Amino acid sequence: QAQLVESGGGLVQPGGSLRLSCQASGLSVSYYILSWYRQPPGTERELVAAIGGDGVIKKYAESVQGRFTISRDNAKKMVYLQMNSLKPEDTAVYYCKASSRYSNNEFWGQGTLVTVSS
């Protein structure tokens, strides 16, 4: 059974940094596009960043471009989101998602809360 487990969320002051991690199990991660989404309070879930199977192609939301960096380690079945220069508007539950490159399969993690506040 495929599973994604996020970690690394917490409370951070504006301007600070956090690194989110997502551990995948039960799937061959190289066959999946890995993404981070977030859902701020009272709003819809939105794409933050995505990374292709080989880690070369990356996509970012305009709101995080230049501040966030997505990376992956296929050997460890991990995907990371380095978040720098955090702003209060980055406050959200952050979710990890795996989307198959060859089928309609997709899997979500349970989410990790990031709160940016002084």
N, C-alpha and C. Protein backbone atom coordinates (compact mmCIF):
# COMPACT_ATOMS: atom_id res chain seq x y z
N GLN A 1 0.84 -1.18 0.00
CA GLN A 1 0.00 0.00 0.00
C GLN A 1 0.89 1.24 0.00
N ALA A 2 0.66 2.12 -0.98
CA ALA A 2 1.45 3.35 -1.07
C ALA A 2 1.11 4.28 0.09
N GLN A 3 2.13 4.95 0.60
CA GLN A 3 1.93 5.87 1.71
C GLN A 3 2.93 7.01 1.61
N LEU A 4 2.47 8.21 1.94
CA LEU A 4 3.32 9.40 2.00
C LEU A 4 3.17 9.99 3.39
N VAL A 5 4.30 10.30 4.02
CA VAL A 5 4.28 10.85 5.37
C VAL A 5 5.13 12.10 5.41
N GLU A 6 4.48 13.24 5.70
CA GLU A 6 5.18 14.52 5.78
C GLU A 6 5.70 14.76 7.19
N SER A 7 6.74 15.56 7.28
CA SER A 7 7.27 16.00 8.57
C SER A 7 7.99 17.32 8.38
N GLY A 8 8.27 17.99 9.49
CA GLY A 8 9.06 19.21 9.44
C GLY A 8 8.28 20.50 9.64
N GLY A 9 6.96 20.40 9.73
CA GLY A 9 6.18 21.60 9.96
C GLY A 9 6.36 22.13 11.37
N GLY A 10 5.82 23.32 11.60
CA GLY A 10 5.93 23.91 12.92
C GLY A 10 5.70 25.41 12.88
N LEU A 11 6.04 26.05 13.98
CA LEU A 11 5.89 27.50 14.11
C LEU A 11 7.23 28.18 13.84
N VAL A 12 7.20 29.19 12.98
CA VAL A 12 8.42 29.91 12.64
C VAL A 12 8.08 31.39 12.51
N GLN A 13 9.04 32.23 12.83
CA GLN A 13 8.83 33.67 12.72
C GLN A 13 8.95 34.12 11.27
N PRO A 14 8.32 35.22 10.92
CA PRO A 14 8.49 35.77 9.57
C PRO A 14 9.97 35.99 9.26
N GLY A 15 10.35 35.63 8.05
CA GLY A 15 11.74 35.70 7.64
C GLY A 15 12.54 34.45 7.92
N GLY A 16 11.96 33.54 8.67
CA GLY A 16 12.65 32.31 9.02
C GLY A 16 12.57 31.25 7.94
N SER A 17 13.11 30.08 8.27
CA SER A 17 13.17 28.97 7.31
C SER A 17 12.66 27.68 7.94
N LEU A 18 12.15 26.82 7.11
CA LEU A 18 11.76 25.47 7.49
C LEU A 18 12.06 24.55 6.32
N ARG A 19 12.32 23.28 6.64
CA ARG A 19 12.49 22.27 5.62
C ARG A 19 11.48 21.16 5.87
N LEU A 20 10.59 20.99 4.90
CA LEU A 20 9.63 19.90 4.97
C LEU A 20 10.19 18.68 4.27
N SER A 21 9.84 17.52 4.82
CA SER A 21 10.25 16.25 4.23
C SER A 21 9.03 15.37 4.02
N CYS A 22 9.09 14.54 3.00
CA CYS A 22 8.01 13.60 2.73
C CYS A 22 8.64 12.25 2.40
N GLN A 23 8.30 11.27 3.22
CA GLN A 23 8.82 9.91 3.03
C GLN A 23 7.77 9.08 2.30
N ALA A 24 8.15 8.52 1.17
CA ALA A 24 7.25 7.65 0.41
C ALA A 24 7.57 6.19 0.68
N SER A 25 6.55 5.36 0.63
CA SER A 25 6.73 3.93 0.76
C SER A 25 5.68 3.23 -0.09
N GLY A 26 5.99 2.02 -0.52
CA GLY A 26 5.03 1.24 -1.28
C GLY A 26 4.86 1.65 -2.72
N LEU A 27 5.77 2.47 -3.26
CA LEU A 27 5.71 2.84 -4.66
C LEU A 27 7.12 3.13 -5.18
N SER A 28 7.27 2.97 -6.49
CA SER A 28 8.55 3.26 -7.14
C SER A 28 8.57 4.75 -7.47
N VAL A 29 9.20 5.54 -6.65
CA VAL A 29 9.05 7.00 -6.73
C VAL A 29 9.56 7.58 -8.04
N SER A 30 10.50 6.90 -8.69
CA SER A 30 11.03 7.46 -9.93
C SER A 30 9.96 7.51 -11.02
N TYR A 31 8.88 6.75 -10.86
CA TYR A 31 7.79 6.76 -11.82
C TYR A 31 6.74 7.83 -11.52
N TYR A 32 7.02 8.64 -10.49
CA TYR A 32 6.02 9.61 -10.03
C TYR A 32 6.57 11.04 -10.06
N ILE A 33 5.70 11.96 -10.45
CA ILE A 33 5.95 13.37 -10.21
C ILE A 33 5.60 13.62 -8.74
N LEU A 34 6.48 14.27 -8.02
CA LEU A 34 6.25 14.57 -6.61
C LEU A 34 5.99 16.06 -6.45
N SER A 35 4.99 16.38 -5.66
CA SER A 35 4.56 17.76 -5.53
C SER A 35 4.30 18.11 -4.07
N TRP A 36 4.38 19.40 -3.81
CA TRP A 36 3.91 19.95 -2.54
C TRP A 36 2.73 20.87 -2.83
N TYR A 37 1.67 20.69 -2.09
CA TYR A 37 0.51 21.56 -2.13
C TYR A 37 0.35 22.16 -0.74
N ARG A 38 -0.44 23.22 -0.67
CA ARG A 38 -0.78 23.77 0.64
C ARG A 38 -2.22 24.25 0.64
N GLN A 39 -2.77 24.27 1.84
CA GLN A 39 -4.15 24.72 2.01
C GLN A 39 -4.20 25.68 3.18
N PRO A 40 -4.20 26.99 2.88
CA PRO A 40 -4.34 27.97 3.95
C PRO A 40 -5.72 27.87 4.59
N PRO A 41 -5.89 28.38 5.78
CA PRO A 41 -7.20 28.31 6.44
C PRO A 41 -8.30 28.95 5.60
N GLY A 42 -9.38 28.23 5.40
CA GLY A 42 -10.53 28.77 4.70
C GLY A 42 -10.39 28.90 3.20
N THR A 43 -9.36 28.31 2.63
CA THR A 43 -9.17 28.42 1.18
C THR A 43 -8.96 27.04 0.57
N GLU A 44 -8.88 27.01 -0.75
CA GLU A 44 -8.69 25.74 -1.45
C GLU A 44 -7.21 25.36 -1.46
N ARG A 45 -6.98 24.07 -1.67
CA ARG A 45 -5.62 23.56 -1.78
C ARG A 45 -4.99 24.07 -3.07
N GLU A 46 -3.72 24.47 -2.99
CA GLU A 46 -3.02 25.02 -4.15
C GLU A 46 -1.66 24.39 -4.32
N LEU A 47 -1.22 24.32 -5.57
CA LEU A 47 0.10 23.77 -5.87
C LEU A 47 1.17 24.75 -5.44
N VAL A 48 2.17 24.25 -4.74
CA VAL A 48 3.31 25.06 -4.33
C VAL A 48 4.51 24.80 -5.24
N ALA A 49 4.83 23.51 -5.42
CA ALA A 49 5.99 23.15 -6.23
C ALA A 49 5.86 21.70 -6.66
N ALA A 50 6.47 21.39 -7.80
CA ALA A 50 6.45 20.02 -8.32
C ALA A 50 7.81 19.72 -8.93
N ILE A 51 8.17 18.43 -8.93
CA ILE A 51 9.46 18.02 -9.46
C ILE A 51 9.30 16.73 -10.24
N GLY A 52 9.92 16.67 -11.42
CA GLY A 52 9.81 15.50 -12.27
C GLY A 52 10.56 14.31 -11.72
N GLY A 53 10.36 13.16 -12.39
CA GLY A 53 10.90 11.91 -11.90
C GLY A 53 12.41 11.88 -11.74
N ASP A 54 13.11 12.58 -12.61
CA ASP A 54 14.57 12.59 -12.54
C ASP A 54 15.11 13.79 -11.78
N GLY A 55 14.21 14.63 -11.28
CA GLY A 55 14.63 15.77 -10.47
C GLY A 55 15.11 16.97 -11.25
N VAL A 56 15.04 16.93 -12.56
CA VAL A 56 15.56 18.03 -13.38
C VAL A 56 14.50 19.12 -13.56
N ILE A 57 13.31 18.71 -13.95
CA ILE A 57 12.25 19.69 -14.22
C ILE A 57 11.55 20.04 -12.91
N LYS A 58 11.46 21.32 -12.63
CA LYS A 58 10.81 21.81 -11.41
C LYS A 58 9.85 22.93 -11.78
N LYS A 59 8.79 23.02 -11.03
CA LYS A 59 7.78 24.05 -11.25
C LYS A 59 7.41 24.64 -9.90
N TYR A 60 7.24 25.97 -9.88
CA TYR A 60 6.90 26.65 -8.63
C TYR A 60 5.72 27.58 -8.84
N ALA A 61 4.93 27.74 -7.80
CA ALA A 61 3.92 28.79 -7.80
C ALA A 61 4.63 30.13 -7.77
N GLU A 62 4.02 31.11 -8.41
CA GLU A 62 4.65 32.44 -8.48
C GLU A 62 4.87 33.01 -7.09
N SER A 63 4.00 32.69 -6.16
CA SER A 63 4.08 33.27 -4.82
C SER A 63 5.28 32.76 -4.01
N VAL A 64 5.88 31.64 -4.43
CA VAL A 64 7.01 31.09 -3.68
C VAL A 64 8.30 31.08 -4.50
N GLN A 65 8.22 31.47 -5.76
CA GLN A 65 9.39 31.48 -6.63
C GLN A 65 10.52 32.28 -6.00
N GLY A 66 11.71 31.68 -5.96
CA GLY A 66 12.87 32.36 -5.39
C GLY A 66 13.01 32.21 -3.89
N ARG A 67 11.99 31.70 -3.22
CA ARG A 67 12.05 31.51 -1.77
C ARG A 67 12.04 30.03 -1.38
N PHE A 68 11.32 29.23 -2.15
CA PHE A 68 11.18 27.81 -1.87
C PHE A 68 11.97 27.00 -2.91
N THR A 69 12.49 25.86 -2.46
CA THR A 69 13.20 24.95 -3.35
C THR A 69 12.73 23.53 -3.12
N ILE A 70 12.31 22.87 -4.18
CA ILE A 70 11.89 21.47 -4.09
C ILE A 70 13.04 20.59 -4.57
N SER A 71 13.21 19.46 -3.91
CA SER A 71 14.23 18.50 -4.31
C SER A 71 13.76 17.10 -3.96
N ARG A 72 14.43 16.11 -4.53
CA ARG A 72 14.04 14.73 -4.27
C ARG A 72 15.27 13.85 -4.21
N ASP A 73 15.13 12.74 -3.51
CA ASP A 73 16.17 11.71 -3.43
C ASP A 73 15.46 10.38 -3.69
N ASN A 74 15.54 9.91 -4.91
CA ASN A 74 14.80 8.69 -5.27
C ASN A 74 15.31 7.47 -4.52
N ALA A 75 16.60 7.43 -4.22
CA ALA A 75 17.15 6.29 -3.49
C ALA A 75 16.55 6.18 -2.10
N LYS A 76 16.30 7.33 -1.49
CA LYS A 76 15.71 7.34 -0.15
C LYS A 76 14.19 7.45 -0.18
N LYS A 77 13.63 7.62 -1.38
CA LYS A 77 12.18 7.80 -1.54
C LYS A 77 11.70 9.02 -0.76
N MET A 78 12.43 10.11 -0.92
CA MET A 78 12.13 11.33 -0.19
C MET A 78 11.92 12.49 -1.16
N VAL A 79 11.07 13.42 -0.76
CA VAL A 79 10.96 14.71 -1.42
C VAL A 79 10.99 15.77 -0.34
N TYR A 80 11.64 16.89 -0.65
CA TYR A 80 11.85 17.94 0.32
C TYR A 80 11.33 19.27 -0.21
N LEU A 81 11.01 20.15 0.72
CA LEU A 81 10.66 21.51 0.37
C LEU A 81 11.40 22.43 1.34
N GLN A 82 12.44 23.10 0.83
CA GLN A 82 13.16 24.08 1.62
C GLN A 82 12.44 25.42 1.47
N MET A 83 12.02 25.97 2.60
CA MET A 83 11.25 27.21 2.59
C MET A 83 12.03 28.29 3.32
N ASN A 84 12.41 29.31 2.59
CA ASN A 84 13.16 30.43 3.16
C ASN A 84 12.34 31.71 3.08
N SER A 85 12.75 32.70 3.84
CA SER A 85 12.08 34.01 3.84
C SER A 85 10.57 33.85 4.00
N LEU A 86 10.19 33.07 4.97
CA LEU A 86 8.77 32.75 5.16
C LEU A 86 7.98 33.99 5.55
N LYS A 87 6.74 34.02 5.07
CA LYS A 87 5.82 35.13 5.30
C LYS A 87 4.57 34.59 6.01
N PRO A 88 3.87 35.45 6.71
CA PRO A 88 2.62 34.99 7.36
C PRO A 88 1.65 34.34 6.38
N GLU A 89 1.64 34.80 5.15
CA GLU A 89 0.73 34.22 4.16
C GLU A 89 1.14 32.83 3.70
N ASP A 90 2.30 32.36 4.14
CA ASP A 90 2.70 30.98 3.86
C ASP A 90 2.09 30.00 4.86
N THR A 91 1.41 30.52 5.86
CA THR A 91 0.76 29.68 6.85
C THR A 91 -0.29 28.78 6.19
N ALA A 92 -0.15 27.49 6.39
CA ALA A 92 -1.05 26.52 5.73
C ALA A 92 -0.70 25.12 6.20
N VAL A 93 -1.59 24.20 5.88
CA VAL A 93 -1.24 22.78 5.97
C VAL A 93 -0.59 22.41 4.63
N TYR A 94 0.58 21.83 4.70
CA TYR A 94 1.33 21.44 3.50
C TYR A 94 1.20 19.94 3.28
N TYR A 95 0.87 19.60 2.03
CA TYR A 95 0.65 18.20 1.67
C TYR A 95 1.64 17.76 0.60
N CYS A 96 2.06 16.53 0.70
CA CYS A 96 2.90 15.89 -0.29
C CYS A 96 1.98 15.05 -1.20
N LYS A 97 2.26 15.07 -2.50
CA LYS A 97 1.47 14.31 -3.46
C LYS A 97 2.38 13.59 -4.44
N ALA A 98 2.02 12.35 -4.77
CA ALA A 98 2.72 11.58 -5.80
C ALA A 98 1.75 11.30 -6.92
N SER A 99 2.11 11.68 -8.15
CA SER A 99 1.26 11.49 -9.32
C SER A 99 2.00 10.62 -10.32
N SER A 100 1.39 9.51 -10.68
CA SER A 100 2.05 8.60 -11.61
C SER A 100 2.25 9.24 -12.97
N ARG A 101 3.40 9.00 -13.56
CA ARG A 101 3.70 9.49 -14.91
C ARG A 101 3.06 8.61 -15.97
N TYR A 102 2.53 7.43 -15.58
CA TYR A 102 2.07 6.46 -16.58
C TYR A 102 0.65 5.99 -16.37
N SER A 103 0.00 6.49 -15.32
CA SER A 103 -1.39 6.11 -15.07
C SER A 103 -2.08 7.25 -14.33
N ASN A 104 -3.31 7.02 -13.92
CA ASN A 104 -4.05 8.04 -13.16
C ASN A 104 -3.85 7.91 -11.65
N ASN A 105 -2.96 7.02 -11.24
CA ASN A 105 -2.74 6.85 -9.80
C ASN A 105 -2.15 8.11 -9.19
N GLU A 106 -2.65 8.46 -8.02
CA GLU A 106 -2.08 9.55 -7.25
C GLU A 106 -2.32 9.28 -5.77
N PHE A 107 -1.39 9.76 -4.96
CA PHE A 107 -1.45 9.52 -3.53
C PHE A 107 -1.11 10.81 -2.79
N TRP A 108 -1.75 10.98 -1.65
CA TRP A 108 -1.56 12.17 -0.81
C TRP A 108 -1.07 11.77 0.57
N GLY A 109 -0.28 12.66 1.16
CA GLY A 109 0.07 12.52 2.56
C GLY A 109 -1.01 13.13 3.43
N GLN A 110 -0.80 13.06 4.73
CA GLN A 110 -1.81 13.52 5.68
C GLN A 110 -1.67 15.01 5.98
N GLY A 111 -0.55 15.60 5.59
CA GLY A 111 -0.33 17.03 5.79
C GLY A 111 0.48 17.36 7.03
N THR A 112 1.16 18.48 6.97
CA THR A 112 1.90 19.00 8.11
C THR A 112 1.66 20.51 8.18
N LEU A 113 1.40 21.01 9.38
CA LEU A 113 1.02 22.41 9.55
C LEU A 113 2.25 23.30 9.67
N VAL A 114 2.26 24.34 8.88
CA VAL A 114 3.29 25.38 8.96
C VAL A 114 2.61 26.68 9.37
N THR A 115 3.08 27.26 10.45
CA THR A 115 2.54 28.53 10.94
C THR A 115 3.65 29.55 10.99
N VAL A 116 3.44 30.65 10.28
CA VAL A 116 4.43 31.73 10.24
C VAL A 116 3.84 32.90 11.00
N SER A 117 4.40 33.17 12.16
CA SER A 117 3.84 34.20 13.02
C SER A 117 4.89 34.67 14.01
N SER A 118 4.78 35.94 14.37
CA SER A 118 5.69 36.48 15.39
C SER A 118 5.04 36.41 16.77
